[in-house]
Amino acid sequence: MGRPKELTEEEKRQLRSKAFHPVEVWLPDFSDPNVYAQAVAEAKRIAVADSEEDILTWMEALQKDMWEGEDQI
């Protein structure tokens, strides 16, 4: 997959006049075995953490503290 089509200066001006602006995004290269292995390991840790009851209890307690007193404003 190559680079995307480059826009002409006129196309860029038209987009900017419509309140668009360019953004460059860099993503991990999952074709690299080390990057892929790290992503898989992180996904497994997240999956285990999501099933832990202690973490869910902690999150619920944290959310309660975040919203406590909102009705008094």
C-alpha atoms as a PDB file:
ATOM      1  CA  MET A   1       0.000   0.000   0.000  1.00  0.00           C
ATOM      2  CA  GLY A   2       1.553   3.258  -1.051  1.00  0.00           C
ATOM      3  CA  ARG A   3       1.087   6.777   0.095  1.00  0.00           C
ATOM      4  CA  PRO A   4      -2.313   8.391  -0.416  1.00  0.00           C
ATOM      5  CA  LYS A   5      -2.885  10.692  -3.364  1.00  0.00           C
ATOM      6  CA  GLU A   6      -1.348  14.074  -2.700  1.00  0.00           C
ATOM      7  CA  LEU A   7      -3.793  16.944  -2.858  1.00  0.00           C
ATOM      8  CA  THR A   8      -3.237  19.949  -5.055  1.00  0.00           C
ATOM      9  CA  GLU A   9      -2.906  23.360  -3.437  1.00  0.00           C
ATOM     10  CA  GLU A  10      -6.393  24.217  -4.722  1.00  0.00           C
ATOM     11  CA  GLU A  11      -7.879  21.087  -3.118  1.00  0.00           C
ATOM     12  CA  LYS A  12      -6.129  21.945   0.155  1.00  0.00           C
ATOM     13  CA  ARG A  13      -7.521  25.516   0.044  1.00  0.00           C
ATOM     14  CA  GLN A  14     -11.028  24.198  -0.591  1.00  0.00           C
ATOM     15  CA  LEU A  15     -10.835  21.821   2.350  1.00  0.00           C
ATOM     16  CA  ARG A  16      -9.423  24.494   4.665  1.00  0.00           C
ATOM     17  CA  SER A  17     -12.218  26.858   3.645  1.00  0.00           C
ATOM     18  CA  LYS A  18     -14.638  24.172   4.885  1.00  0.00           C
ATOM     19  CA  ALA A  19     -12.867  24.076   8.298  1.00  0.00           C
ATOM     20  CA  PHE A  20     -10.840  20.907   7.629  1.00  0.00           C
ATOM     21  CA  HIS A  21      -7.189  20.613   8.582  1.00  0.00           C
ATOM     22  CA  PRO A  22      -4.597  17.946   7.798  1.00  0.00           C
ATOM     23  CA  VAL A  23      -3.603  15.391  10.419  1.00  0.00           C
ATOM     24  CA  GLU A  24      -0.788  12.863  10.220  1.00  0.00           C
ATOM     25  CA  VAL A  25      -1.353   9.586  12.066  1.00  0.00           C
ATOM     26  CA  TRP A  26       1.371   7.082  12.903  1.00  0.00           C
ATOM     27  CA  LEU A  27       0.290   3.562  13.810  1.00  0.00           C
ATOM     28  CA  PRO A  28       2.193   0.522  15.087  1.00  0.00           C
ATOM     29  CA  ASP A  29       3.495  -1.784  12.364  1.00  0.00           C
ATOM     30  CA  PHE A  30       1.755  -5.070  13.145  1.00  0.00           C
ATOM     31  CA  SER A  31       3.764  -6.851  10.450  1.00  0.00           C
ATOM     32  CA  ASP A  32       6.737  -6.557  12.846  1.00  0.00           C
ATOM     33  CA  PRO A  33       6.681  -9.753  14.976  1.00  0.00           C
ATOM     34  CA  ASN A  34       7.857  -7.898  18.108  1.00  0.00           C
ATOM     35  CA  VAL A  35       5.137  -5.251  17.825  1.00  0.00           C
ATOM     36  CA  TYR A  36       2.509  -7.919  17.142  1.00  0.00           C
ATOM     37  CA  ALA A  37       3.637 -10.007  20.133  1.00  0.00           C
ATOM     38  CA  GLN A  38       3.517  -6.961  22.409  1.00  0.00           C
ATOM     39  CA  ALA A  39       0.001  -6.092  21.213  1.00  0.00           C
ATOM     40  CA  VAL A  40      -1.200  -9.666  21.791  1.00  0.00           C
ATOM     41  CA  ALA A  41       0.315  -9.699  25.301  1.00  0.00           C
ATOM     42  CA  GLU A  42      -1.350  -6.369  26.154  1.00  0.00           C
ATOM     43  CA  ALA A  43      -4.707  -7.577  24.823  1.00  0.00           C
ATOM     44  CA  LYS A  44      -4.465 -10.703  26.989  1.00  0.00           C
ATOM     45  CA  ARG A  45      -3.687  -8.606  30.076  1.00  0.00           C
ATOM     46  CA  ILE A  46      -6.674  -6.374  29.335  1.00  0.00           C
ATOM     47  CA  ALA A  47      -8.952  -9.398  28.886  1.00  0.00           C
ATOM     48  CA  VAL A  48      -7.848 -10.837  32.232  1.00  0.00           C
ATOM     49  CA  ALA A  49      -8.185  -7.475  33.972  1.00  0.00           C
ATOM     50  CA  ASP A  50     -11.720  -7.062  32.652  1.00  0.00           C
ATOM     51  CA  SER A  51     -12.767 -10.338  34.259  1.00  0.00           C
ATOM     52  CA  GLU A  52     -11.262  -9.541  37.666  1.00  0.00           C
ATOM     53  CA  GLU A  53     -13.988  -8.780  40.177  1.00  0.00           C
ATOM     54  CA  ASP A  54     -11.673  -6.609  42.305  1.00  0.00           C
ATOM     55  CA  ILE A  55     -10.995  -4.264  39.412  1.00  0.00           C
ATOM     56  CA  LEU A  56     -14.690  -3.905  38.640  1.00  0.00           C
ATOM     57  CA  THR A  57     -15.434  -3.210  42.299  1.00  0.00           C
ATOM     58  CA  TRP A  58     -12.691  -0.587  42.351  1.00  0.00           C
ATOM     59  CA  MET A  59     -14.020   1.047  39.178  1.00  0.00           C
ATOM     60  CA  GLU A  60     -17.549   1.165  40.564  1.00  0.00           C
ATOM     61  CA  ALA A  61     -16.298   2.757  43.774  1.00  0.00           C
ATOM     62  CA  LEU A  62     -14.283   5.288  41.793  1.00  0.00           C
ATOM     63  CA  GLN A  63     -17.263   6.211  39.641  1.00  0.00           C
ATOM     64  CA  LYS A  64     -19.414   6.691  42.725  1.00  0.00           C
ATOM     65  CA  ASP A  65     -16.871   9.175  44.106  1.00  0.00           C
ATOM     66  CA  MET A  66     -16.717  10.978  40.762  1.00  0.00           C
ATOM     67  CA  TRP A  67     -20.454  11.645  40.678  1.00  0.00           C
ATOM     68  CA  GLU A  68     -21.080  12.054  44.393  1.00  0.00           C
ATOM     69  CA  GLY A  69     -22.637  15.422  45.138  1.00  0.00           C
ATOM     70  CA  GLU A  70     -23.660  16.201  41.563  1.00  0.00           C
ATOM     71  CA  ASP A  71     -27.294  16.628  42.616  1.00  0.00           C
ATOM     72  CA  GLN A  72     -26.267  19.407  45.012  1.00  0.00           C
ATOM     73  CA  ILE A  73     -24.957  21.726  42.304  1.00  0.00           C
END
